[in-house]
PDB file of all heavy atoms in Angstrom:
ATOM      1  N   ALA A   1      39.728 -23.116 140.542  1.00  0.00           N
ATOM      2  CA  ALA A   1      39.843 -22.122 139.479  1.00  0.00           C
ATOM      3  C   ALA A   1      41.017 -22.456 138.532  1.00  0.00           C
ATOM      4  O   ALA A   1      41.013 -22.079 137.373  1.00  0.00           O
ATOM      5  CB  ALA A   1      39.857 -20.834 140.091  1.00  0.00           C
ATOM      6  N   LEU A   2      41.951 -23.148 139.022  1.00  0.00           N
ATOM      7  CA  LEU A   2      43.212 -23.350 138.296  1.00  0.00           C
ATOM      8  C   LEU A   2      43.016 -24.037 137.012  1.00  0.00           C
ATOM      9  O   LEU A   2      43.738 -23.646 136.016  1.00  0.00           O
ATOM     10  CB  LEU A   2      44.221 -24.109 139.122  1.00  0.00           C
ATOM     11  CG  LEU A   2      44.718 -23.244 140.401  1.00  0.00           C
ATOM     12  CD1 LEU A   2      45.756 -24.014 141.202  1.00  0.00           C
ATOM     13  CD2 LEU A   2      45.269 -21.874 140.013  1.00  0.00           C
ATOM     14  N   PRO A   3      42.167 -24.933 136.709  1.00  0.00           N
ATOM     15  CA  PRO A   3      42.037 -25.535 135.418  1.00  0.00           C
ATOM     16  C   PRO A   3      41.711 -24.534 134.408  1.00  0.00           C
ATOM     17  O   PRO A   3      42.105 -24.455 133.346  1.00  0.00           O
ATOM     18  CB  PRO A   3      40.930 -26.638 135.569  1.00  0.00           C
ATOM     19  CG  PRO A   3      40.961 -27.013 137.027  1.00  0.00           C
ATOM     20  CD  PRO A   3      41.358 -25.724 137.628  1.00  0.00           C
ATOM     21  N   PHE A   4      40.848 -23.511 134.794  1.00  0.00           N
ATOM     22  CA  PHE A   4      40.544 -22.429 133.826  1.00  0.00           C
ATOM     23  C   PHE A   4      41.714 -21.557 133.474  1.00  0.00           C
ATOM     24  O   PHE A   4      41.959 -21.110 132.383  1.00  0.00           O
ATOM     25  CB  PHE A   4      39.270 -21.600 134.254  1.00  0.00           C
ATOM     26  CG  PHE A   4      38.095 -22.484 134.511  1.00  0.00           C
ATOM     27  CD1 PHE A   4      37.621 -22.838 135.693  1.00  0.00           C
ATOM     28  CD2 PHE A   4      37.319 -22.854 133.360  1.00  0.00           C
ATOM     29  CE1 PHE A   4      36.505 -23.570 135.849  1.00  0.00           C
ATOM     30  CE2 PHE A   4      36.138 -23.502 133.515  1.00  0.00           C
ATOM     31  CZ  PHE A   4      35.717 -24.004 134.747  1.00  0.00           C
ATOM     32  N   VAL A   5      42.454 -21.244 134.690  1.00  0.00           N
ATOM     33  CA  VAL A   5      43.643 -20.276 134.384  1.00  0.00           C
ATOM     34  C   VAL A   5      44.702 -20.870 133.542  1.00  0.00           C
ATOM     35  O   VAL A   5      45.305 -20.373 132.765  1.00  0.00           O
ATOM     36  CB  VAL A   5      44.151 -19.845 135.802  1.00  0.00           C
ATOM     37  CG1 VAL A   5      45.301 -19.097 135.636  1.00  0.00           C
ATOM     38  CG2 VAL A   5      43.049 -19.126 136.546  1.00  0.00           C
ATOM     39  N   ALA A   6      44.906 -22.193 133.797  1.00  0.00           N
ATOM     40  CA  ALA A   6      45.994 -23.040 133.107  1.00  0.00           C
ATOM     41  C   ALA A   6      45.762 -23.048 131.575  1.00  0.00           C
ATOM     42  O   ALA A   6      46.708 -23.096 130.924  1.00  0.00           O
ATOM     43  CB  ALA A   6      46.063 -24.358 133.743  1.00  0.00           C
ATOM     44  N   ILE A   7      44.538 -22.978 131.313  1.00  0.00           N
ATOM     45  CA  ILE A   7      44.266 -23.078 129.871  1.00  0.00           C
ATOM     46  C   ILE A   7      44.300 -21.886 129.086  1.00  0.00           C
ATOM     47  O   ILE A   7      44.742 -21.831 127.861  1.00  0.00           O
ATOM     48  CB  ILE A   7      42.866 -23.814 129.703  1.00  0.00           C
ATOM     49  CG1 ILE A   7      42.959 -25.203 130.206  1.00  0.00           C
ATOM     50  CG2 ILE A   7      42.459 -23.731 128.163  1.00  0.00           C
ATOM     51  CD1 ILE A   7      41.499 -25.925 130.113  1.00  0.00           C
ATOM     52  N   GLY A   8      43.898 -20.688 129.662  1.00  0.00           N
ATOM     53  CA  GLY A   8      44.037 -19.426 128.912  1.00  0.00           C
ATOM     54  C   GLY A   8      43.284 -18.297 129.497  1.00  0.00           C
ATOM     55  O   GLY A   8      42.965 -18.260 130.651  1.00  0.00           O
ATOM     56  N   LEU A   9      42.878 -17.327 128.670  1.00  0.00           N
ATOM     57  CA  LEU A   9      42.186 -16.074 129.062  1.00  0.00           C
ATOM     58  C   LEU A   9      41.130 -15.564 128.124  1.00  0.00           C
ATOM     59  O   LEU A   9      41.000 -16.101 126.948  1.00  0.00           O
ATOM     60  CB  LEU A   9      43.230 -15.046 129.274  1.00  0.00           C
ATOM     61  CG  LEU A   9      44.340 -15.395 130.218  1.00  0.00           C
ATOM     62  CD1 LEU A   9      45.547 -14.403 130.276  1.00  0.00           C
ATOM     63  CD2 LEU A   9      43.838 -15.401 131.712  1.00  0.00           C
ATOM     64  N   THR A  10      40.434 -14.299 128.286  1.00  0.00           N
ATOM     65  CA  THR A  10      39.325 -13.774 127.424  1.00  0.00           C
ATOM     66  C   THR A  10      39.231 -12.420 126.689  1.00  0.00           C
ATOM     67  O   THR A  10      40.076 -11.741 126.612  1.00  0.00           O
ATOM     68  CB  THR A  10      37.910 -13.832 128.173  1.00  0.00           C
ATOM     69  OG1 THR A  10      38.010 -13.413 129.180  1.00  0.00           O
ATOM     70  CG2 THR A  10      37.102 -14.759 127.643  1.00  0.00           C
ATOM     71  N   ALA A  11      38.217 -11.949 126.385  1.00  0.00           N
ATOM     72  CA  ALA A  11      37.431 -11.077 125.506  1.00  0.00           C
ATOM     73  C   ALA A  11      38.015  -9.838 125.000  1.00  0.00           C
ATOM     74  O   ALA A  11      38.886  -9.125 125.655  1.00  0.00           O
ATOM     75  CB  ALA A  11      36.079 -10.776 125.975  1.00  0.00           C
ATOM     76  N   ALA A  12      37.645  -9.434 123.823  1.00  0.00           N
ATOM     77  CA  ALA A  12      38.317  -8.273 123.087  1.00  0.00           C
ATOM     78  C   ALA A  12      37.738  -6.903 123.341  1.00  0.00           C
ATOM     79  O   ALA A  12      38.585  -5.885 123.405  1.00  0.00           O
ATOM     80  CB  ALA A  12      38.408  -8.602 121.586  1.00  0.00           C
ATOM     81  N   GLN A  13      36.312  -6.760 123.407  1.00  0.00           N
ATOM     82  CA  GLN A  13      35.839  -5.339 123.426  1.00  0.00           C
ATOM     83  C   GLN A  13      36.139  -4.610 124.792  1.00  0.00           C
ATOM     84  O   GLN A  13      36.450  -3.377 124.846  1.00  0.00           O
ATOM     85  CB  GLN A  13      34.466  -5.359 123.286  1.00  0.00           C
ATOM     86  CG  GLN A  13      33.582  -6.122 122.332  1.00  0.00           C
ATOM     87  CD  GLN A  13      33.523  -7.544 122.585  1.00  0.00           C
ATOM     88  OE1 GLN A  13      34.477  -8.257 123.129  1.00  0.00           O
ATOM     89  NE2 GLN A  13      32.423  -8.179 122.193  1.00  0.00           N
ATOM     90  N   ALA A  14      35.929  -5.189 125.888  1.00  0.00           N
ATOM     91  CA  ALA A  14      36.074  -4.746 127.255  1.00  0.00           C
ATOM     92  C   ALA A  14      37.556  -4.642 127.610  1.00  0.00           C
ATOM     93  O   ALA A  14      38.339  -5.400 127.143  1.00  0.00           O
ATOM     94  CB  ALA A  14      35.308  -5.419 128.271  1.00  0.00           C
ATOM     95  N   ASP A  15      37.913  -3.724 128.456  1.00  0.00           N
ATOM     96  CA  ASP A  15      39.287  -3.648 128.917  1.00  0.00           C
ATOM     97  C   ASP A  15      39.683  -4.868 129.692  1.00  0.00           C
ATOM     98  O   ASP A  15      38.772  -5.397 130.366  1.00  0.00           O
ATOM     99  CB  ASP A  15      39.252  -2.463 129.966  1.00  0.00           C
ATOM    100  CG  ASP A  15      40.491  -2.347 130.852  1.00  0.00           C
ATOM    101  OD1 ASP A  15      41.614  -2.142 130.284  1.00  0.00           O
ATOM    102  OD2 ASP A  15      40.527  -2.589 131.973  1.00  0.00           O
ATOM    103  N   TYR A  16      40.816  -5.405 129.361  1.00  0.00           N
ATOM    104  CA  TYR A  16      41.126  -6.727 129.776  1.00  0.00           C
ATOM    105  C   TYR A  16      41.167  -6.855 131.308  1.00  0.00           C
ATOM    106  O   TYR A  16      40.903  -7.917 131.840  1.00  0.00           O
ATOM    107  CB  TYR A  16      42.625  -7.180 129.265  1.00  0.00           C
ATOM    108  CG  TYR A  16      43.787  -6.571 129.882  1.00  0.00           C
ATOM    109  CD1 TYR A  16      44.219  -7.126 130.995  1.00  0.00           C
ATOM    110  CD2 TYR A  16      44.342  -5.444 129.317  1.00  0.00           C
ATOM    111  CE1 TYR A  16      45.386  -6.497 131.592  1.00  0.00           C
ATOM    112  CE2 TYR A  16      45.416  -4.788 129.892  1.00  0.00           C
ATOM    113  CZ  TYR A  16      46.013  -5.448 130.923  1.00  0.00           C
ATOM    114  OH  TYR A  16      47.039  -4.783 131.551  1.00  0.00           O
ATOM    115  N   SER A  17      41.446  -5.725 132.053  1.00  0.00           N
ATOM    116  CA  SER A  17      41.419  -5.722 133.494  1.00  0.00           C
ATOM    117  C   SER A  17      40.041  -5.932 134.064  1.00  0.00           C
ATOM    118  O   SER A  17      39.816  -6.737 135.015  1.00  0.00           O
ATOM    119  CB  SER A  17      41.962  -4.382 134.131  1.00  0.00           C
ATOM    120  OG  SER A  17      43.178  -4.234 133.817  1.00  0.00           O
ATOM    121  N   GLU A  18      39.095  -5.288 133.458  1.00  0.00           N
ATOM    122  CA  GLU A  18      37.683  -5.501 133.781  1.00  0.00           C
ATOM    123  C   GLU A  18      37.308  -7.064 133.504  1.00  0.00           C
ATOM    124  O   GLU A  18      36.605  -7.709 134.308  1.00  0.00           O
ATOM    125  CB  GLU A  18      36.741  -4.621 133.079  1.00  0.00           C
ATOM    126  CG  GLU A  18      35.280  -4.800 133.437  1.00  0.00           C
ATOM    127  CD  GLU A  18      34.282  -3.941 132.588  1.00  0.00           C
ATOM    128  OE1 GLU A  18      34.883  -3.080 131.753  1.00  0.00           O
ATOM    129  OE2 GLU A  18      33.061  -4.057 132.767  1.00  0.00           O
ATOM    130  N   GLN A  19      37.682  -7.468 132.360  1.00  0.00           N
ATOM    131  CA  GLN A  19      37.447  -8.892 132.036  1.00  0.00           C
ATOM    132  C   GLN A  19      38.032  -9.895 133.064  1.00  0.00           C
ATOM    133  O   GLN A  19      37.453 -10.775 133.441  1.00  0.00           O
ATOM    134  CB  GLN A  19      37.973  -9.296 130.612  1.00  0.00           C
ATOM    135  CG  GLN A  19      37.204  -8.568 129.507  1.00  0.00           C
ATOM    136  CD  GLN A  19      37.793  -9.068 128.178  1.00  0.00           C
ATOM    137  OE1 GLN A  19      37.704 -10.178 127.916  1.00  0.00           O
ATOM    138  NE2 GLN A  19      38.349  -8.072 127.482  1.00  0.00           N
ATOM    139  N   TYR A  20      39.364  -9.579 133.313  1.00  0.00           N
ATOM    140  CA  TYR A  20      39.978 -10.439 134.415  1.00  0.00           C
ATOM    141  C   TYR A  20      39.280 -10.516 135.640  1.00  0.00           C
ATOM    142  O   TYR A  20      39.148 -11.598 136.288  1.00  0.00           O
ATOM    143  CB  TYR A  20      41.333  -9.949 134.633  1.00  0.00           C
ATOM    144  CG  TYR A  20      42.393 -10.344 133.520  1.00  0.00           C
ATOM    145  CD1 TYR A  20      42.070 -10.791 132.345  1.00  0.00           C
ATOM    146  CD2 TYR A  20      43.708 -10.160 133.805  1.00  0.00           C
ATOM    147  CE1 TYR A  20      43.002 -11.171 131.403  1.00  0.00           C
ATOM    148  CE2 TYR A  20      44.700 -10.534 132.776  1.00  0.00           C
ATOM    149  CZ  TYR A  20      44.274 -11.022 131.575  1.00  0.00           C
ATOM    150  OH  TYR A  20      45.238 -11.370 130.720  1.00  0.00           O
ATOM    151  N   GLU A  21      38.661  -9.321 136.151  1.00  0.00           N
ATOM    152  CA  GLU A  21      38.011  -9.281 137.371  1.00  0.00           C
ATOM    153  C   GLU A  21      36.695 -10.105 137.320  1.00  0.00           C
ATOM    154  O   GLU A  21      36.265 -10.885 138.240  1.00  0.00           O
ATOM    155  CB  GLU A  21      37.689  -7.882 137.792  1.00  0.00           C
ATOM    156  CG  GLU A  21      38.982  -7.129 138.145  1.00  0.00           C
ATOM    157  CD  GLU A  21      39.775  -7.787 139.383  1.00  0.00           C
ATOM    158  OE1 GLU A  21      39.215  -8.319 140.300  1.00  0.00           O
ATOM    159  OE2 GLU A  21      41.013  -7.722 139.207  1.00  0.00           O
ATOM    160  N   LYS A  22      35.982  -9.936 136.095  1.00  0.00           N
ATOM    161  CA  LYS A  22      34.658 -10.728 135.974  1.00  0.00           C
ATOM    162  C   LYS A  22      35.000 -12.162 135.761  1.00  0.00           C
ATOM    163  O   LYS A  22      34.305 -13.093 136.301  1.00  0.00           O
ATOM    164  CB  LYS A  22      33.949 -10.047 134.739  1.00  0.00           C
ATOM    165  CG  LYS A  22      33.383  -8.741 135.071  1.00  0.00           C
ATOM    166  CD  LYS A  22      32.477  -8.258 134.108  1.00  0.00           C
ATOM    167  CE  LYS A  22      32.079  -6.830 134.303  1.00  0.00           C
ATOM    168  NZ  LYS A  22      31.278  -6.655 135.478  1.00  0.00           N
ATOM    169  N   ILE A  23      36.080 -12.514 135.072  1.00  0.00           N
ATOM    170  CA  ILE A  23      36.424 -13.900 134.920  1.00  0.00           C
ATOM    171  C   ILE A  23      36.816 -14.588 136.293  1.00  0.00           C
ATOM    172  O   ILE A  23      36.311 -15.503 136.688  1.00  0.00           O
ATOM    173  CB  ILE A  23      37.694 -14.068 133.994  1.00  0.00           C
ATOM    174  CG1 ILE A  23      37.213 -13.810 132.577  1.00  0.00           C
ATOM    175  CG2 ILE A  23      38.211 -15.464 134.094  1.00  0.00           C
ATOM    176  CD1 ILE A  23      38.394 -13.760 131.537  1.00  0.00           C
ATOM    177  N   ALA A  24      37.422 -13.710 137.131  1.00  0.00           N
ATOM    178  CA  ALA A  24      37.960 -14.360 138.437  1.00  0.00           C
ATOM    179  C   ALA A  24      36.610 -14.630 139.365  1.00  0.00           C
ATOM    180  O   ALA A  24      36.659 -15.617 139.982  1.00  0.00           O
ATOM    181  CB  ALA A  24      38.773 -13.208 139.171  1.00  0.00           C
ATOM    182  N   VAL A  25      35.763 -13.699 139.270  1.00  0.00           N
ATOM    183  CA  VAL A  25      34.487 -13.984 139.971  1.00  0.00           C
ATOM    184  C   VAL A  25      33.648 -15.265 139.460  1.00  0.00           C
ATOM    185  O   VAL A  25      33.319 -16.072 140.089  1.00  0.00           O
ATOM    186  CB  VAL A  25      33.589 -12.677 140.009  1.00  0.00           C
ATOM    187  CG1 VAL A  25      32.190 -12.997 140.544  1.00  0.00           C
ATOM    188  CG2 VAL A  25      34.152 -11.580 140.754  1.00  0.00           C
ATOM    189  N   ALA A  26      33.523 -15.140 138.214  1.00  0.00           N
ATOM    190  CA  ALA A  26      33.003 -16.299 137.505  1.00  0.00           C
ATOM    191  C   ALA A  26      33.616 -17.725 137.824  1.00  0.00           C
ATOM    192  O   ALA A  26      32.964 -18.658 138.235  1.00  0.00           O
ATOM    193  CB  ALA A  26      32.878 -16.165 135.900  1.00  0.00           C
ATOM    194  N   VAL A  27      34.823 -17.743 137.632  1.00  0.00           N
ATOM    195  CA  VAL A  27      35.644 -19.040 137.850  1.00  0.00           C
ATOM    196  C   VAL A  27      35.601 -19.496 139.207  1.00  0.00           C
ATOM    197  O   VAL A  27      35.422 -20.681 139.581  1.00  0.00           O
ATOM    198  CB  VAL A  27      37.119 -18.860 137.430  1.00  0.00           C
ATOM    199  CG1 VAL A  27      37.916 -20.072 137.783  1.00  0.00           C
ATOM    200  CG2 VAL A  27      37.063 -18.701 135.830  1.00  0.00           C
ATOM    201  N   SER A  28      35.600 -18.595 140.271  1.00  0.00           N
ATOM    202  CA  SER A  28      35.644 -18.892 141.540  1.00  0.00           C
ATOM    203  C   SER A  28      34.229 -19.280 142.087  1.00  0.00           C
ATOM    204  O   SER A  28      34.023 -19.769 143.158  1.00  0.00           O
ATOM    205  CB  SER A  28      36.226 -17.801 142.383  1.00  0.00           C
ATOM    206  OG  SER A  28      35.562 -16.641 142.444  1.00  0.00           O
ATOM    207  N   SER A  29      33.282 -19.042 141.291  1.00  0.00           N
ATOM    208  CA  SER A  29      31.915 -19.278 141.718  1.00  0.00           C
ATOM    209  C   SER A  29      31.354 -20.549 140.955  1.00  0.00           C
ATOM    210  O   SER A  29      30.138 -20.827 141.327  1.00  0.00           O
ATOM    211  CB  SER A  29      30.960 -18.128 141.180  1.00  0.00           C
ATOM    212  OG  SER A  29      31.416 -16.915 141.770  1.00  0.00           O
ATOM    213  N   VAL A  30      31.971 -21.117 140.173  1.00  0.00           N
ATOM    214  CA  VAL A  30      31.537 -22.287 139.330  1.00  0.00           C
ATOM    215  C   VAL A  30      30.901 -23.313 140.356  1.00  0.00           C
ATOM    216  O   VAL A  30      29.747 -23.743 140.083  1.00  0.00           O
ATOM    217  CB  VAL A  30      32.644 -22.860 138.474  1.00  0.00           C
ATOM    218  CG1 VAL A  30      32.218 -24.236 138.015  1.00  0.00           C
ATOM    219  CG2 VAL A  30      32.990 -21.926 137.342  1.00  0.00           C
ATOM    220  N   GLN A  31      31.619 -23.914 141.229  1.00  0.00           N
ATOM    221  CA  GLN A  31      31.099 -24.996 142.050  1.00  0.00           C
ATOM    222  C   GLN A  31      29.939 -24.690 142.834  1.00  0.00           C
ATOM    223  O   GLN A  31      28.850 -25.389 142.956  1.00  0.00           O
ATOM    224  CB  GLN A  31      32.165 -25.559 142.871  1.00  0.00           C
ATOM    225  CG  GLN A  31      33.227 -26.448 142.029  1.00  0.00           C
ATOM    226  CD  GLN A  31      34.265 -27.037 142.818  1.00  0.00           C
ATOM    227  OE1 GLN A  31      34.549 -26.732 144.054  1.00  0.00           O
ATOM    228  NE2 GLN A  31      34.970 -27.886 142.302  1.00  0.00           N
ATOM    229  N   THR A  32      29.882 -23.452 143.444  1.00  0.00           N
ATOM    230  CA  THR A  32      28.734 -23.081 144.250  1.00  0.00           C
ATOM    231  C   THR A  32      27.532 -22.768 143.320  1.00  0.00           C
ATOM    232  O   THR A  32      26.534 -23.128 143.727  1.00  0.00           O
ATOM    233  CB  THR A  32      29.153 -21.743 145.126  1.00  0.00           C
ATOM    234  OG1 THR A  32      30.404 -22.000 145.834  1.00  0.00           O
ATOM    235  CG2 THR A  32      28.070 -21.350 145.924  1.00  0.00           C
ATOM    236  N   CYS A  33      27.743 -22.223 142.346  1.00  0.00           N
ATOM    237  CA  CYS A  33      26.589 -21.970 141.416  1.00  0.00           C
ATOM    238  C   CYS A  33      26.035 -23.302 140.853  1.00  0.00           C
ATOM    239  O   CYS A  33      24.706 -23.354 140.739  1.00  0.00           O
ATOM    240  CB  CYS A  33      27.033 -21.052 140.182  1.00  0.00           C
ATOM    241  SG  CYS A  33      27.304 -19.258 140.733  1.00  0.00           S
ATOM    242  N   GLU A  34      26.892 -24.151 140.548  1.00  0.00           N
ATOM    243  CA  GLU A  34      26.371 -25.551 140.269  1.00  0.00           C
ATOM    244  C   GLU A  34      25.471 -26.135 141.344  1.00  0.00           C
ATOM    245  O   GLU A  34      24.531 -26.715 141.078  1.00  0.00           O
ATOM    246  CB  GLU A  34      27.536 -26.479 140.006  1.00  0.00           C
ATOM    247  CG  GLU A  34      28.169 -26.228 138.555  1.00  0.00           C
ATOM    248  CD  GLU A  34      29.213 -27.079 138.220  1.00  0.00           C
ATOM    249  OE1 GLU A  34      29.973 -27.640 139.037  1.00  0.00           O
ATOM    250  OE2 GLU A  34      29.505 -27.224 136.867  1.00  0.00           O
ATOM    251  N   GLN A  35      26.036 -25.930 142.589  1.00  0.00           N
ATOM    252  CA  GLN A  35      25.310 -26.516 143.789  1.00  0.00           C
ATOM    253  C   GLN A  35      23.960 -25.815 143.898  1.00  0.00           C
ATOM    254  O   GLN A  35      23.055 -26.330 144.482  1.00  0.00           O
ATOM    255  CB  GLN A  35      25.995 -26.420 144.956  1.00  0.00           C
ATOM    256  CG  GLN A  35      27.204 -27.393 144.961  1.00  0.00           C
ATOM    257  CD  GLN A  35      28.155 -27.123 146.246  1.00  0.00           C
ATOM    258  OE1 GLN A  35      27.926 -26.325 147.113  1.00  0.00           O
ATOM    259  NE2 GLN A  35      29.146 -28.084 146.417  1.00  0.00           N
ATOM    260  N   LEU A  36      23.830 -24.582 143.358  1.00  0.00           N
ATOM    261  CA  LEU A  36      22.636 -23.753 143.499  1.00  0.00           C
ATOM    262  C   LEU A  36      21.712 -23.978 142.229  1.00  0.00           C
ATOM    263  O   LEU A  36      20.652 -23.359 142.032  1.00  0.00           O
ATOM    264  CB  LEU A  36      22.939 -22.379 143.642  1.00  0.00           C
ATOM    265  CG  LEU A  36      23.532 -21.936 144.956  1.00  0.00           C
ATOM    266  CD1 LEU A  36      23.974 -20.486 145.009  1.00  0.00           C
ATOM    267  CD2 LEU A  36      22.510 -22.344 146.119  1.00  0.00           C
ATOM    268  N   GLY A  37      22.028 -25.058 141.463  1.00  0.00           N
ATOM    269  CA  GLY A  37      21.166 -25.397 140.325  1.00  0.00           C
ATOM    270  C   GLY A  37      21.526 -24.622 138.966  1.00  0.00           C
ATOM    271  O   GLY A  37      20.728 -24.771 138.028  1.00  0.00           O
ATOM    272  N   TYR A  38      22.742 -24.074 138.871  1.00  0.00           N
ATOM    273  CA  TYR A  38      23.109 -23.387 137.645  1.00  0.00           C
ATOM    274  C   TYR A  38      23.849 -24.424 136.742  1.00  0.00           C
ATOM    275  O   TYR A  38      24.659 -25.191 137.294  1.00  0.00           O
ATOM    276  CB  TYR A  38      23.934 -22.146 137.799  1.00  0.00           C
ATOM    277  CG  TYR A  38      23.166 -20.981 138.396  1.00  0.00           C
ATOM    278  CD1 TYR A  38      22.701 -20.853 139.669  1.00  0.00           C
ATOM    279  CD2 TYR A  38      22.653 -20.010 137.482  1.00  0.00           C
ATOM    280  CE1 TYR A  38      21.858 -19.861 140.206  1.00  0.00           C
ATOM    281  CE2 TYR A  38      21.883 -19.000 137.980  1.00  0.00           C
ATOM    282  CZ  TYR A  38      21.588 -18.919 139.327  1.00  0.00           C
ATOM    283  OH  TYR A  38      20.684 -17.906 139.773  1.00  0.00           O
ATOM    284  N   THR A  39      23.715 -24.254 135.404  1.00  0.00           N
ATOM    285  CA  THR A  39      24.470 -25.044 134.484  1.00  0.00           C
ATOM    286  C   THR A  39      25.594 -24.259 134.129  1.00  0.00           C
ATOM    287  O   THR A  39      25.381 -23.184 133.742  1.00  0.00           O
ATOM    288  CB  THR A  39      23.716 -25.618 133.359  1.00  0.00           C
ATOM    289  OG1 THR A  39      22.591 -26.384 133.900  1.00  0.00           O
ATOM    290  CG2 THR A  39      24.546 -26.348 132.310  1.00  0.00           C
TER     291      THR A  39
END
């Protein structure tokens, strides 16, 4: 996850805390989702 965190952060409409939680789940899921066939 660290390469994503080191570069920056996200979105304007939603509360940033909610975005942070969703980003955390997304970033920590990248490799497993790729192994499951997701791009």
